[in-house]
Amino acid sequence: MATHIKDKFDYIYEKYKRLLLAKAYDILKDHALAEDAVSEAFIRVYKHLGKIDDPDSGQSASFLVTIAKNIAINLYHKEKRTTPFDVAEYDEADDFDLEDTIATQDDATGALKLVGRLKEELRAVFLLKYAHDMSHKEIAKILGITENNVTVRLHRAKTKLQEWVKEVQV
């Protein structure tokens, strides 16, 4: 069993290390920091290896890139290279229902396009929650943020998606 896990991890590492390094470098603009971010990403990936059913799937690639991007963003903020990314103000309304929003295949395609418009920090939390069915605690651990921050980001993502859905329906 341990060999299977090691083989799976080695395969994922070899397949995605360059992609994750490129994504981290795009954010950090520093090779050493990008390597640090990718190392941390693979530590987190190893801890959550059971969440990856098919290492070759687009969903797995998205999961890995999301982890690396968020670690790089957190490292970017920690290094205080510039002002933090713009984050929308917290809105108290929370009546988002994913199933009501996505009633048909056409709606699902439209919803995916809307999710793609979200800022990366909101999109990552939203996708980990709804596409990967993770708990707030798991998301917080993977992204290196607090559970409260997960809740706030998820709420902001849902609020923004609701606004966009209403615009489309009008």
Protein backbone atom coordinates (compact mmCIF):
# COMPACT_ATOMS: atom_id res chain seq x y z
CA MET A 1 0.00 0.00 0.00
CA ALA A 2 2.77 2.44 0.92
CA THR A 3 4.47 1.77 -2.43
CA HIS A 4 1.24 2.61 -4.27
CA ILE A 5 1.00 5.95 -2.46
CA LYS A 6 4.66 6.74 -3.16
CA ASP A 7 4.24 5.79 -6.83
CA LYS A 8 1.11 7.93 -7.13
CA PHE A 9 2.83 10.89 -5.48
CA ASP A 10 5.98 10.48 -7.63
CA TYR A 11 3.83 10.35 -10.77
CA ILE A 12 1.91 13.50 -9.77
CA TYR A 13 5.14 15.28 -8.85
CA GLU A 14 6.83 14.50 -12.17
CA LYS A 15 3.72 15.30 -14.19
CA TYR A 16 2.89 18.66 -12.56
CA LYS A 17 6.07 20.13 -11.03
CA ARG A 18 6.87 22.32 -14.06
CA LEU A 19 3.28 23.56 -14.38
CA LEU A 20 3.07 24.45 -10.68
CA LEU A 21 6.47 26.14 -10.79
CA ALA A 22 5.39 28.23 -13.78
CA LYS A 23 2.15 29.27 -12.04
CA ALA A 24 3.98 30.16 -8.83
CA TYR A 25 6.61 32.12 -10.76
CA ASP A 26 3.87 34.05 -12.60
CA ILE A 27 2.71 35.33 -9.21
CA LEU A 28 6.00 35.70 -7.34
CA LYS A 29 8.42 36.71 -10.14
CA ASP A 30 11.21 35.03 -8.14
CA HIS A 31 12.51 31.52 -8.83
CA ALA A 32 13.56 30.75 -5.26
CA LEU A 33 10.21 31.85 -3.84
CA ALA A 34 8.36 29.95 -6.57
CA GLU A 35 10.31 26.80 -5.67
CA ASP A 36 9.40 27.32 -2.00
CA ALA A 37 5.74 27.69 -2.94
CA VAL A 38 5.78 24.53 -5.06
CA SER A 39 7.53 22.57 -2.31
CA GLU A 40 4.85 23.61 0.15
CA ALA A 41 2.18 22.78 -2.42
CA PHE A 42 3.49 19.25 -2.82
CA ILE A 43 3.62 18.79 0.95
CA ARG A 44 -0.08 19.68 1.05
CA VAL A 45 -0.81 17.50 -1.96
CA TYR A 46 0.82 14.54 -0.23
CA LYS A 47 -1.32 15.11 2.87
CA HIS A 48 -4.45 15.11 0.67
CA LEU A 49 -3.41 12.46 -1.86
CA GLY A 50 -6.65 10.59 -1.28
CA LYS A 51 -8.57 13.51 -2.82
CA ILE A 52 -6.92 12.77 -6.18
CA ASP A 53 -8.66 9.83 -7.84
CA ASP A 54 -7.29 10.23 -11.37
CA PRO A 55 -3.96 12.12 -11.53
CA ASP A 56 -4.45 12.68 -15.28
CA SER A 57 -7.86 14.36 -15.02
CA GLY A 58 -8.47 18.05 -15.56
CA GLN A 59 -10.06 18.18 -12.12
CA SER A 60 -6.81 16.94 -10.54
CA ALA A 61 -4.76 19.47 -12.49
CA SER A 62 -7.12 22.23 -11.39
CA PHE A 63 -6.87 21.06 -7.78
CA LEU A 64 -3.06 21.10 -7.87
CA VAL A 65 -2.81 24.47 -9.62
CA THR A 66 -5.28 25.96 -7.13
CA ILE A 67 -3.15 24.82 -4.21
CA ALA A 68 0.07 26.16 -5.75
CA LYS A 69 -1.50 29.50 -6.74
CA ASN A 70 -2.89 30.11 -3.28
CA ILE A 71 0.36 29.25 -1.56
CA ALA A 72 2.17 31.60 -3.95
CA ILE A 73 -0.35 34.38 -3.25
CA ASN A 74 0.05 33.89 0.50
CA LEU A 75 3.83 33.94 0.13
CA TYR A 76 3.57 37.05 -2.03
CA HIS A 77 1.64 38.80 0.74
CA LYS A 78 4.06 37.54 3.38
CA GLU A 79 7.00 38.97 1.45
CA LYS A 80 5.13 42.32 1.28
CA ARG A 81 6.17 42.89 -2.29
CA THR A 82 3.22 45.21 -2.95
CA THR A 83 -0.24 46.02 -1.67
CA PRO A 84 -2.59 43.06 -1.20
CA PHE A 85 -4.86 41.94 -4.00
CA ASP A 86 -8.19 43.75 -4.05
CA VAL A 87 -10.84 41.84 -2.08
CA ALA A 88 -14.52 42.80 -2.15
CA GLU A 89 -16.20 43.85 1.08
CA TYR A 90 -18.04 41.18 3.03
CA ASP A 91 -21.78 41.16 2.34
CA GLU A 92 -24.18 39.74 4.92
CA ALA A 93 -26.69 38.20 2.44
CA ASP A 94 -26.32 34.44 1.98
CA ASP A 95 -29.16 32.72 0.15
CA PHE A 96 -27.10 31.06 -2.59
CA ASP A 97 -28.37 27.68 -3.77
CA LEU A 98 -26.11 26.01 -6.31
CA GLU A 99 -28.76 23.53 -7.42
CA ASP A 100 -31.31 26.30 -8.10
CA THR A 101 -28.69 28.26 -10.05
CA ILE A 102 -27.72 25.31 -12.23
CA ALA A 103 -31.00 23.74 -13.36
CA THR A 104 -30.04 22.60 -16.88
CA GLN A 105 -26.91 21.74 -18.84
CA ASP A 106 -27.02 25.15 -20.52
CA ASP A 107 -27.24 26.75 -17.09
CA ALA A 108 -24.30 24.62 -15.93
CA THR A 109 -22.17 25.81 -18.85
CA GLY A 110 -23.11 29.40 -18.11
CA ALA A 111 -22.42 28.92 -14.41
CA LEU A 112 -18.95 27.55 -15.16
CA LYS A 113 -18.23 30.63 -17.24
CA LEU A 114 -19.37 32.82 -14.34
CA VAL A 115 -17.22 30.90 -11.87
CA GLY A 116 -14.28 31.47 -14.22
CA ARG A 117 -14.84 35.22 -13.89
CA LEU A 118 -14.33 35.15 -10.11
CA LYS A 119 -11.07 36.42 -8.66
CA GLU A 120 -8.66 33.52 -8.12
CA GLU A 121 -8.90 33.62 -4.32
CA LEU A 122 -12.70 33.32 -4.48
CA ARG A 123 -12.76 30.84 -7.36
CA ALA A 124 -10.31 28.52 -5.58
CA VAL A 125 -12.42 28.29 -2.43
CA PHE A 126 -15.63 27.90 -4.44
CA LEU A 127 -14.25 25.10 -6.59
CA LEU A 128 -12.68 23.25 -3.68
CA LYS A 129 -16.02 23.42 -1.87
CA TYR A 130 -18.39 22.53 -4.70
CA ALA A 131 -16.29 20.70 -7.30
CA HIS A 132 -14.14 18.77 -4.83
CA ASP A 133 -16.72 18.59 -2.02
CA MET A 134 -14.26 19.63 0.69
CA SER A 135 -15.08 20.89 4.16
CA HIS A 136 -14.15 24.38 5.28
CA LYS A 137 -11.49 22.85 7.52
CA GLU A 138 -9.92 20.91 4.62
CA ILE A 139 -9.96 23.98 2.37
CA ALA A 140 -8.37 26.11 5.07
CA LYS A 141 -5.60 23.57 5.56
CA ILE A 142 -4.88 23.22 1.83
CA LEU A 143 -4.86 26.96 1.13
CA GLY A 144 -3.09 27.95 4.34
CA ILE A 145 -5.87 30.28 5.50
CA THR A 146 -8.27 30.25 8.45
CA GLU A 147 -11.64 28.52 8.37
CA ASN A 148 -13.21 31.93 8.92
CA ASN A 149 -11.42 33.24 5.82
CA VAL A 150 -12.76 30.23 3.87
CA THR A 151 -16.28 31.10 4.99
CA VAL A 152 -15.87 34.76 4.04
CA ARG A 153 -14.37 33.97 0.62
CA LEU A 154 -17.05 31.39 -0.09
CA HIS A 155 -19.73 33.87 0.84
CA ARG A 156 -18.19 36.55 -1.39
CA ALA A 157 -18.01 34.11 -4.30
CA LYS A 158 -21.65 33.09 -3.88
CA THR A 159 -22.77 36.71 -3.57
CA LYS A 160 -20.89 37.69 -6.74
CA LEU A 161 -22.29 34.70 -8.64
CA GLN A 162 -25.82 35.58 -7.53
CA GLU A 163 -25.34 39.13 -8.82
CA TRP A 164 -24.12 37.86 -12.18
CA VAL A 165 -26.95 35.29 -12.47
CA LYS A 166 -29.51 38.03 -11.80
CA GLU A 167 -27.89 40.21 -14.49
CA VAL A 168 -28.12 37.35 -17.00
CA GLN A 169 -31.76 36.64 -16.13
CA VAL A 170 -32.86 40.25 -16.61
